[in-house]
Amino acid sequence: MADEPQFKLPGASYEELVKIIQGYQTVGGDASPEDVSKVIAIHPTGVSRNNGFLVSVGIVEGGRRKTITEKGKALALALGHNIPEEVSDKWRQIVIGNDFLSKLISAVRIRKGMDAQTLQSHVAYSAGQPRTGPALLGAGAVVEILKAAAVVKEEEGKLVATEIVSVSEGTTHHVNLRETLTIDEQGRARVTRSSPETPAAPIAPAAGASAIPVAIQIQIQCSPADVADLGAKLRTLIEEITKPHTESSAG
């Protein structure tokens, strides 16, 4: 550990960290800790203690005065509107885009789960921090971020890695989504998505690709009376699913 650079942990709980992120979004432009402090009622030193972490994960950038990044703005917006799916998505992008955070998921997966306290200690140790109150507070905030990102989940008293993403070095994994097509009494089609428990096999990433590959499985639920119109509705659904890929391939 001595020859590895230390990772700067948050200097606050997850709840306070969220307030600070939203504070940078509210101030906008070049913001000092004092500027952020005025809008969130947290002391300037409380803000500055978190700046190292926020910079390292790409939420803010700059020197003494910092500006929230586009990634940070998207997260702050989702947090402000309290949309769980969007909050998870934005945090997940930050987690898998950061080497330190993504390796924590690998550690949880390799150990087939950890209890929250063990993971908290592992975060502090991996960051090269002593087992002190402030370090464990920041490590606890990181654990909450992993949970908010839905890259770990509670299962039988432990936190286990989900199969939404995989961070094995040099590979990416398919995200398997099950799509259910439901046709209501008015003949309107609605698609809902869920993620199955079984993981898909890893694939080598395509050169220059940044998106996670997606495999889609469709289940159809409809009454006998809807069968006659089912073909047209399926064609429409398939066109909508494949349209973005077709346009990007054509370009």
C-alpha atoms as a PDB file:
ATOM      1  CA  MET A   1       0.000   0.000   0.000  1.00  0.00           C
ATOM      2  CA  ALA A   2       2.842   2.388   0.741  1.00  0.00           C
ATOM      3  CA  ASP A   3       3.873   2.775  -2.892  1.00  0.00           C
ATOM      4  CA  GLU A   4       0.288   3.259  -4.140  1.00  0.00           C
ATOM      5  CA  PRO A   5      -1.306   6.695  -4.296  1.00  0.00           C
ATOM      6  CA  GLN A   6      -3.968   7.257  -1.663  1.00  0.00           C
ATOM      7  CA  PHE A   7      -7.574   7.676  -2.733  1.00  0.00           C
ATOM      8  CA  LYS A   8      -9.272  10.675  -1.190  1.00  0.00           C
ATOM      9  CA  LEU A   9     -12.376   9.499   0.645  1.00  0.00           C
ATOM     10  CA  PRO A  10     -15.359  11.774   1.296  1.00  0.00           C
ATOM     11  CA  GLY A  11     -15.135  13.829   4.460  1.00  0.00           C
ATOM     12  CA  ALA A  12     -18.811  13.520   5.333  1.00  0.00           C
ATOM     13  CA  SER A  13     -21.731  11.138   5.406  1.00  0.00           C
ATOM     14  CA  TYR A  14     -23.524  10.235   2.180  1.00  0.00           C
ATOM     15  CA  GLU A  15     -26.390  12.589   3.046  1.00  0.00           C
ATOM     16  CA  GLU A  16     -24.068  15.573   3.517  1.00  0.00           C
ATOM     17  CA  LEU A  17     -22.140  14.658   0.379  1.00  0.00           C
ATOM     18  CA  VAL A  18     -25.391  14.785  -1.590  1.00  0.00           C
ATOM     19  CA  LYS A  19     -26.098  18.273  -0.189  1.00  0.00           C
ATOM     20  CA  ILE A  20     -22.633  19.462  -1.224  1.00  0.00           C
ATOM     21  CA  ILE A  21     -23.072  18.141  -4.777  1.00  0.00           C
ATOM     22  CA  GLN A  22     -26.420  19.904  -5.020  1.00  0.00           C
ATOM     23  CA  GLY A  23     -24.810  23.026  -3.576  1.00  0.00           C
ATOM     24  CA  TYR A  24     -22.222  23.140  -6.357  1.00  0.00           C
ATOM     25  CA  GLN A  25     -25.030  22.718  -8.863  1.00  0.00           C
ATOM     26  CA  THR A  26     -27.020  25.564  -7.285  1.00  0.00           C
ATOM     27  CA  VAL A  27     -24.084  27.986  -7.215  1.00  0.00           C
ATOM     28  CA  GLY A  28     -22.868  27.068 -10.700  1.00  0.00           C
ATOM     29  CA  GLY A  29     -19.757  28.586 -12.275  1.00  0.00           C
ATOM     30  CA  ASP A  30     -16.602  28.884 -10.202  1.00  0.00           C
ATOM     31  CA  ALA A  31     -17.638  28.199  -6.621  1.00  0.00           C
ATOM     32  CA  SER A  32     -15.573  28.419  -3.458  1.00  0.00           C
ATOM     33  CA  PRO A  33     -16.374  26.374  -0.334  1.00  0.00           C
ATOM     34  CA  GLU A  34     -17.781  29.579   1.158  1.00  0.00           C
ATOM     35  CA  ASP A  35     -20.144  30.010  -1.793  1.00  0.00           C
ATOM     36  CA  VAL A  36     -21.444  26.459  -1.448  1.00  0.00           C
ATOM     37  CA  SER A  37     -21.659  26.804   2.323  1.00  0.00           C
ATOM     38  CA  LYS A  38     -24.100  29.690   2.026  1.00  0.00           C
ATOM     39  CA  VAL A  39     -26.688  27.677   0.101  1.00  0.00           C
ATOM     40  CA  ILE A  40     -26.533  24.384   2.033  1.00  0.00           C
ATOM     41  CA  ALA A  41     -25.800  25.540   5.607  1.00  0.00           C
ATOM     42  CA  ILE A  42     -22.685  23.372   5.959  1.00  0.00           C
ATOM     43  CA  HIS A  43     -19.461  25.018   7.214  1.00  0.00           C
ATOM     44  CA  PRO A  44     -16.920  25.807   4.460  1.00  0.00           C
ATOM     45  CA  THR A  45     -14.430  23.369   5.978  1.00  0.00           C
ATOM     46  CA  GLY A  46     -17.100  20.674   5.719  1.00  0.00           C
ATOM     47  CA  VAL A  47     -17.389  21.432   2.014  1.00  0.00           C
ATOM     48  CA  SER A  48     -13.638  21.539   1.355  1.00  0.00           C
ATOM     49  CA  ARG A  49     -13.079  18.184   3.120  1.00  0.00           C
ATOM     50  CA  ASN A  50     -15.071  16.562   0.324  1.00  0.00           C
ATOM     51  CA  ASN A  51     -13.519  18.353  -2.628  1.00  0.00           C
ATOM     52  CA  GLY A  52     -10.697  15.844  -3.065  1.00  0.00           C
ATOM     53  CA  PHE A  53     -13.176  13.026  -3.494  1.00  0.00           C
ATOM     54  CA  LEU A  54     -15.479  15.038  -5.755  1.00  0.00           C
ATOM     55  CA  VAL A  55     -12.568  15.942  -8.019  1.00  0.00           C
ATOM     56  CA  SER A  56     -11.199  12.387  -8.111  1.00  0.00           C
ATOM     57  CA  VAL A  57     -14.523  10.947  -9.329  1.00  0.00           C
ATOM     58  CA  GLY A  58     -15.141  13.761 -11.821  1.00  0.00           C
ATOM     59  CA  ILE A  59     -18.101  15.493 -10.167  1.00  0.00           C
ATOM     60  CA  VAL A  60     -16.340  18.866  -9.812  1.00  0.00           C
ATOM     61  CA  GLU A  61     -13.136  20.245 -11.279  1.00  0.00           C
ATOM     62  CA  GLY A  62     -10.824  23.204 -10.762  1.00  0.00           C
ATOM     63  CA  GLY A  63      -8.510  24.678  -8.149  1.00  0.00           C
ATOM     64  CA  ARG A  64      -9.503  26.776  -5.142  1.00  0.00           C
ATOM     65  CA  ARG A  65     -12.753  27.652  -6.916  1.00  0.00           C
ATOM     66  CA  LYS A  66     -14.438  24.651  -8.478  1.00  0.00           C
ATOM     67  CA  THR A  67     -17.012  24.090 -11.202  1.00  0.00           C
ATOM     68  CA  ILE A  68     -19.438  21.215 -11.319  1.00  0.00           C
ATOM     69  CA  THR A  69     -18.893  19.001 -14.375  1.00  0.00           C
ATOM     70  CA  GLU A  70     -21.551  17.810 -16.812  1.00  0.00           C
ATOM     71  CA  LYS A  71     -21.426  14.442 -15.087  1.00  0.00           C
ATOM     72  CA  GLY A  72     -21.907  16.182 -11.759  1.00  0.00           C
ATOM     73  CA  LYS A  73     -24.804  18.263 -13.080  1.00  0.00           C
ATOM     74  CA  ALA A  74     -26.614  15.145 -14.300  1.00  0.00           C
ATOM     75  CA  LEU A  75     -26.183  13.508 -10.889  1.00  0.00           C
ATOM     76  CA  ALA A  76     -27.266  16.638  -9.003  1.00  0.00           C
ATOM     77  CA  LEU A  77     -30.378  16.931 -11.165  1.00  0.00           C
ATOM     78  CA  ALA A  78     -31.357  13.314 -10.499  1.00  0.00           C
ATOM     79  CA  LEU A  79     -30.705  13.753  -6.774  1.00  0.00           C
ATOM     80  CA  GLY A  80     -32.714  16.959  -6.684  1.00  0.00           C
ATOM     81  CA  HIS A  81     -35.734  15.340  -8.312  1.00  0.00           C
ATOM     82  CA  ASN A  82     -35.288  12.196  -6.187  1.00  0.00           C
ATOM     83  CA  ILE A  83     -35.763   9.786  -9.115  1.00  0.00           C
ATOM     84  CA  PRO A  84     -34.280   6.482  -7.870  1.00  0.00           C
ATOM     85  CA  GLU A  85     -33.645   4.977 -11.311  1.00  0.00           C
ATOM     86  CA  GLU A  86     -31.881   8.111 -12.534  1.00  0.00           C
ATOM     87  CA  VAL A  87     -29.893   8.480  -9.311  1.00  0.00           C
ATOM     88  CA  SER A  88     -28.724   4.867  -9.651  1.00  0.00           C
ATOM     89  CA  ASP A  89     -27.831   5.359 -13.305  1.00  0.00           C
ATOM     90  CA  LYS A  90     -25.800   8.537 -12.711  1.00  0.00           C
ATOM     91  CA  TRP A  91     -23.954   7.117  -9.708  1.00  0.00           C
ATOM     92  CA  ARG A  92     -23.299   3.883 -11.627  1.00  0.00           C
ATOM     93  CA  GLN A  93     -21.647   5.798 -14.457  1.00  0.00           C
ATOM     94  CA  ILE A  94     -19.384   7.525 -11.934  1.00  0.00           C
ATOM     95  CA  VAL A  95     -18.541   4.284 -10.109  1.00  0.00           C
ATOM     96  CA  ILE A  96     -17.636   2.206 -13.162  1.00  0.00           C
ATOM     97  CA  GLY A  97     -15.686   5.146 -14.589  1.00  0.00           C
ATOM     98  CA  ASN A  98     -13.420   5.334 -11.531  1.00  0.00           C
ATOM     99  CA  ASP A  99     -10.705   2.721 -11.068  1.00  0.00           C
ATOM    100  CA  PHE A 100     -10.768   2.727  -7.269  1.00  0.00           C
ATOM    101  CA  LEU A 101     -14.551   2.447  -6.974  1.00  0.00           C
ATOM    102  CA  SER A 102     -14.857  -0.187  -9.688  1.00  0.00           C
ATOM    103  CA  LYS A 103     -12.231  -2.361  -7.986  1.00  0.00           C
ATOM    104  CA  LEU A 104     -14.349  -2.322  -4.836  1.00  0.00           C
ATOM    105  CA  ILE A 105     -17.096  -4.114  -6.771  1.00  0.00           C
ATOM    106  CA  SER A 106     -14.576  -6.716  -7.885  1.00  0.00           C
ATOM    107  CA  ALA A 107     -13.500  -7.203  -4.258  1.00  0.00           C
ATOM    108  CA  VAL A 108     -17.103  -7.777  -3.172  1.00  0.00           C
ATOM    109  CA  ARG A 109     -17.659 -10.204  -6.034  1.00  0.00           C
ATOM    110  CA  ILE A 110     -14.461 -12.180  -5.378  1.00  0.00           C
ATOM    111  CA  ARG A 111     -15.368 -12.567  -1.691  1.00  0.00           C
ATOM    112  CA  LYS A 112     -18.956 -13.515  -2.628  1.00  0.00           C
ATOM    113  CA  GLY A 113     -20.244 -10.689  -0.475  1.00  0.00           C
ATOM    114  CA  MET A 114     -19.236  -8.746   2.644  1.00  0.00           C
ATOM    115  CA  ASP A 115     -21.180  -7.367   5.553  1.00  0.00           C
ATOM    116  CA  ALA A 116     -21.430  -3.573   5.563  1.00  0.00           C
ATOM    117  CA  GLN A 117     -18.870  -3.083   8.343  1.00  0.00           C
ATOM    118  CA  THR A 118     -16.292  -5.308   6.649  1.00  0.00           C
ATOM    119  CA  LEU A 119     -16.763  -3.496   3.343  1.00  0.00           C
ATOM    120  CA  GLN A 120     -16.440  -0.147   5.114  1.00  0.00           C
ATOM    121  CA  SER A 121     -13.110  -1.244   6.636  1.00  0.00           C
ATOM    122  CA  HIS A 122     -11.976  -2.590   3.264  1.00  0.00           C
ATOM    123  CA  VAL A 123     -12.720   0.760   1.606  1.00  0.00           C
ATOM    124  CA  ALA A 124     -10.658   2.655   4.196  1.00  0.00           C
ATOM    125  CA  TYR A 125      -7.782   0.162   3.960  1.00  0.00           C
ATOM    126  CA  SER A 126      -7.778   0.184   0.150  1.00  0.00           C
ATOM    127  CA  ALA A 127      -7.677   3.989   0.201  1.00  0.00           C
ATOM    128  CA  GLY A 128      -4.560   3.847   2.389  1.00  0.00           C
ATOM    129  CA  GLN A 129      -6.361   5.491   5.294  1.00  0.00           C
ATOM    130  CA  PRO A 130      -5.941   4.632   8.986  1.00  0.00           C
ATOM    131  CA  ARG A 131      -8.856   3.124  10.886  1.00  0.00           C
ATOM    132  CA  THR A 132     -10.073   6.399  12.377  1.00  0.00           C
ATOM    133  CA  GLY A 133     -13.487   7.978  12.750  1.00  0.00           C
ATOM    134  CA  PRO A 134     -13.157  10.374   9.782  1.00  0.00           C
ATOM    135  CA  ALA A 135     -11.806   7.652   7.493  1.00  0.00           C
ATOM    136  CA  LEU A 136     -14.594   5.246   8.413  1.00  0.00           C
ATOM    137  CA  LEU A 137     -17.151   8.018   7.931  1.00  0.00           C
ATOM    138  CA  GLY A 138     -15.882   8.598   4.407  1.00  0.00           C
ATOM    139  CA  ALA A 139     -15.678   4.860   3.751  1.00  0.00           C
ATOM    140  CA  GLY A 140     -19.280   4.544   4.902  1.00  0.00           C
ATOM    141  CA  ALA A 141     -20.281   7.217   2.403  1.00  0.00           C
ATOM    142  CA  VAL A 142     -18.554   5.223  -0.355  1.00  0.00           C
ATOM    143  CA  VAL A 143     -20.499   2.106   0.667  1.00  0.00           C
ATOM    144  CA  GLU A 144     -23.718   4.106   0.412  1.00  0.00           C
ATOM    145  CA  ILE A 145     -22.674   5.319  -3.049  1.00  0.00           C
ATOM    146  CA  LEU A 146     -22.168   1.715  -4.181  1.00  0.00           C
ATOM    147  CA  LYS A 147     -25.620   0.873  -2.868  1.00  0.00           C
ATOM    148  CA  ALA A 148     -27.162   3.958  -4.495  1.00  0.00           C
ATOM    149  CA  ALA A 149     -25.504   2.975  -7.780  1.00  0.00           C
ATOM    150  CA  ALA A 150     -27.097  -0.481  -7.421  1.00  0.00           C
ATOM    151  CA  VAL A 151     -23.741  -2.162  -8.056  1.00  0.00           C
ATOM    152  CA  VAL A 152     -24.078  -3.882  -4.676  1.00  0.00           C
ATOM    153  CA  LYS A 153     -27.248  -4.999  -2.926  1.00  0.00           C
ATOM    154  CA  GLU A 154     -28.204  -6.436   0.445  1.00  0.00           C
ATOM    155  CA  GLU A 155     -28.791 -10.176   0.407  1.00  0.00           C
ATOM    156  CA  GLU A 156     -29.022 -12.460   3.447  1.00  0.00           C
ATOM    157  CA  GLY A 157     -27.288  -9.991   5.722  1.00  0.00           C
ATOM    158  CA  LYS A 158     -24.436  -9.255   3.298  1.00  0.00           C
ATOM    159  CA  LEU A 159     -23.705  -6.822   0.501  1.00  0.00           C
ATOM    160  CA  VAL A 160     -23.193  -8.726  -2.741  1.00  0.00           C
ATOM    161  CA  ALA A 161     -22.187  -7.474  -6.165  1.00  0.00           C
ATOM    162  CA  THR A 162     -25.052  -7.232  -8.621  1.00  0.00           C
ATOM    163  CA  GLU A 163     -24.837  -8.377 -12.210  1.00  0.00           C
ATOM    164  CA  ILE A 164     -25.851  -4.990 -13.623  1.00  0.00           C
ATOM    165  CA  VAL A 165     -22.196  -4.319 -14.379  1.00  0.00           C
ATOM    166  CA  SER A 166     -19.012  -6.330 -14.196  1.00  0.00           C
ATOM    167  CA  VAL A 167     -15.625  -4.717 -13.759  1.00  0.00           C
ATOM    168  CA  SER A 168     -13.323  -7.644 -14.463  1.00  0.00           C
ATOM    169  CA  GLU A 169     -10.233  -6.093 -15.982  1.00  0.00           C
ATOM    170  CA  GLY A 170     -10.130  -6.196 -19.766  1.00  0.00           C
ATOM    171  CA  THR A 171     -13.735  -7.375 -20.226  1.00  0.00           C
ATOM    172  CA  THR A 172     -17.233  -6.057 -20.144  1.00  0.00           C
ATOM    173  CA  HIS A 173     -20.385  -8.053 -19.551  1.00  0.00           C
ATOM    174  CA  HIS A 174     -23.733  -8.096 -21.264  1.00  0.00           C
ATOM    175  CA  VAL A 175     -26.601  -6.551 -19.357  1.00  0.00           C
ATOM    176  CA  ASN A 176     -29.508  -8.949 -19.828  1.00  0.00           C
ATOM    177  CA  LEU A 177     -32.836  -7.158 -19.781  1.00  0.00           C
ATOM    178  CA  ARG A 178     -36.149  -9.002 -19.948  1.00  0.00           C
ATOM    179  CA  GLU A 179     -38.788  -6.957 -21.747  1.00  0.00           C
ATOM    180  CA  THR A 180     -42.490  -7.700 -21.250  1.00  0.00           C
ATOM    181  CA  LEU A 181     -44.953  -6.401 -23.820  1.00  0.00           C
ATOM    182  CA  THR A 182     -48.429  -5.870 -22.367  1.00  0.00           C
ATOM    183  CA  ILE A 183     -51.415  -4.846 -24.514  1.00  0.00           C
ATOM    184  CA  ASP A 184     -54.210  -3.096 -22.639  1.00  0.00           C
ATOM    185  CA  GLU A 185     -57.942  -3.097 -23.407  1.00  0.00           C
ATOM    186  CA  GLN A 186     -57.532  -0.117 -25.746  1.00  0.00           C
ATOM    187  CA  GLY A 187     -54.919  -1.984 -27.768  1.00  0.00           C
ATOM    188  CA  ARG A 188     -52.025   0.139 -26.492  1.00  0.00           C
ATOM    189  CA  ALA A 189     -48.685  -1.611 -26.077  1.00  0.00           C
ATOM    190  CA  ARG A 190     -46.549  -1.035 -22.999  1.00  0.00           C
ATOM    191  CA  VAL A 191     -43.053  -2.413 -22.421  1.00  0.00           C
ATOM    192  CA  THR A 192     -41.601  -3.016 -18.967  1.00  0.00           C
ATOM    193  CA  ARG A 193     -38.022  -4.091 -18.307  1.00  0.00           C
ATOM    194  CA  SER A 194     -36.495  -6.218 -15.597  1.00  0.00           C
ATOM    195  CA  SER A 195     -33.074  -7.752 -15.047  1.00  0.00           C
ATOM    196  CA  PRO A 196     -32.854 -11.554 -14.554  1.00  0.00           C
ATOM    197  CA  GLU A 197     -30.805 -13.062 -11.770  1.00  0.00           C
ATOM    198  CA  THR A 198     -28.486 -15.118 -13.974  1.00  0.00           C
ATOM    199  CA  PRO A 199     -25.489 -13.212 -15.398  1.00  0.00           C
ATOM    200  CA  ALA A 200     -24.577 -13.273 -19.068  1.00  0.00           C
ATOM    201  CA  ALA A 201     -21.214 -14.431 -20.342  1.00  0.00           C
ATOM    202  CA  PRO A 202     -18.406 -11.856 -20.658  1.00  0.00           C
ATOM    203  CA  ILE A 203     -17.413 -10.523 -24.055  1.00  0.00           C
ATOM    204  CA  ALA A 204     -14.382  -8.610 -25.244  1.00  0.00           C
ATOM    205  CA  PRO A 205     -15.148  -4.895 -25.663  1.00  0.00           C
ATOM    206  CA  ALA A 206     -15.240  -3.551 -29.197  1.00  0.00           C
ATOM    207  CA  ALA A 207     -12.517  -1.087 -30.131  1.00  0.00           C
ATOM    208  CA  GLY A 208     -13.552   2.420 -29.168  1.00  0.00           C
ATOM    209  CA  ALA A 209     -16.853   1.242 -27.687  1.00  0.00           C
ATOM    210  CA  SER A 210     -18.028   2.982 -24.542  1.00  0.00           C
ATOM    211  CA  ALA A 211     -21.553   1.625 -24.158  1.00  0.00           C
ATOM    212  CA  ILE A 212     -22.331  -1.597 -22.281  1.00  0.00           C
ATOM    213  CA  PRO A 213     -23.729  -4.206 -24.712  1.00  0.00           C
ATOM    214  CA  VAL A 214     -27.358  -5.140 -24.076  1.00  0.00           C
ATOM    215  CA  ALA A 215     -29.142  -8.421 -24.800  1.00  0.00           C
ATOM    216  CA  ILE A 216     -32.944  -8.086 -24.902  1.00  0.00           C
ATOM    217  CA  GLN A 217     -35.421 -10.885 -24.292  1.00  0.00           C
ATOM    218  CA  ILE A 218     -39.105 -10.197 -25.016  1.00  0.00           C
ATOM    219  CA  GLN A 219     -42.047 -11.849 -23.289  1.00  0.00           C
ATOM    220  CA  ILE A 220     -45.552 -11.191 -24.594  1.00  0.00           C
ATOM    221  CA  GLN A 221     -48.664 -11.030 -22.456  1.00  0.00           C
ATOM    222  CA  CYS A 222     -51.936 -10.507 -24.299  1.00  0.00           C
ATOM    223  CA  SER A 223     -55.455 -11.874 -24.615  1.00  0.00           C
ATOM    224  CA  PRO A 224     -56.631 -14.022 -27.566  1.00  0.00           C
ATOM    225  CA  ALA A 225     -58.530 -11.028 -28.944  1.00  0.00           C
ATOM    226  CA  ASP A 226     -55.262  -9.099 -29.336  1.00  0.00           C
ATOM    227  CA  VAL A 227     -53.473 -11.753 -31.406  1.00  0.00           C
ATOM    228  CA  ALA A 228     -54.710 -10.408 -34.741  1.00  0.00           C
ATOM    229  CA  ASP A 229     -52.950  -7.056 -34.221  1.00  0.00           C
ATOM    230  CA  LEU A 230     -49.931  -8.486 -32.452  1.00  0.00           C
ATOM    231  CA  GLY A 231     -47.683  -8.674 -35.530  1.00  0.00           C
ATOM    232  CA  ALA A 232     -47.995  -4.967 -36.303  1.00  0.00           C
ATOM    233  CA  LYS A 233     -47.335  -3.998 -32.688  1.00  0.00           C
ATOM    234  CA  LEU A 234     -44.266  -6.238 -32.525  1.00  0.00           C
ATOM    235  CA  ARG A 235     -42.881  -4.751 -35.740  1.00  0.00           C
ATOM    236  CA  THR A 236     -43.344  -1.266 -34.284  1.00  0.00           C
ATOM    237  CA  LEU A 237     -41.609  -2.317 -31.063  1.00  0.00           C
ATOM    238  CA  ILE A 238     -38.671  -3.892 -32.900  1.00  0.00           C
ATOM    239  CA  GLU A 239     -38.277  -0.795 -35.086  1.00  0.00           C
ATOM    240  CA  GLU A 240     -38.170   1.417 -31.990  1.00  0.00           C
ATOM    241  CA  ILE A 241     -35.585  -0.834 -30.301  1.00  0.00           C
ATOM    242  CA  THR A 242     -33.305  -1.076 -33.328  1.00  0.00           C
ATOM    243  CA  LYS A 243     -33.699   2.483 -34.616  1.00  0.00           C
ATOM    244  CA  PRO A 244     -30.842   4.093 -32.591  1.00  0.00           C
ATOM    245  CA  HIS A 245     -28.452   1.306 -33.652  1.00  0.00           C
ATOM    246  CA  THR A 246     -29.463   1.661 -37.305  1.00  0.00           C
ATOM    247  CA  GLU A 247     -28.931   5.407 -37.262  1.00  0.00           C
ATOM    248  CA  SER A 248     -25.530   5.146 -35.599  1.00  0.00           C
ATOM    249  CA  SER A 249     -24.437   2.425 -38.030  1.00  0.00           C
ATOM    250  CA  ALA A 250     -25.537   4.507 -41.003  1.00  0.00           C
ATOM    251  CA  GLY A 251     -23.430   7.426 -39.762  1.00  0.00           C
END
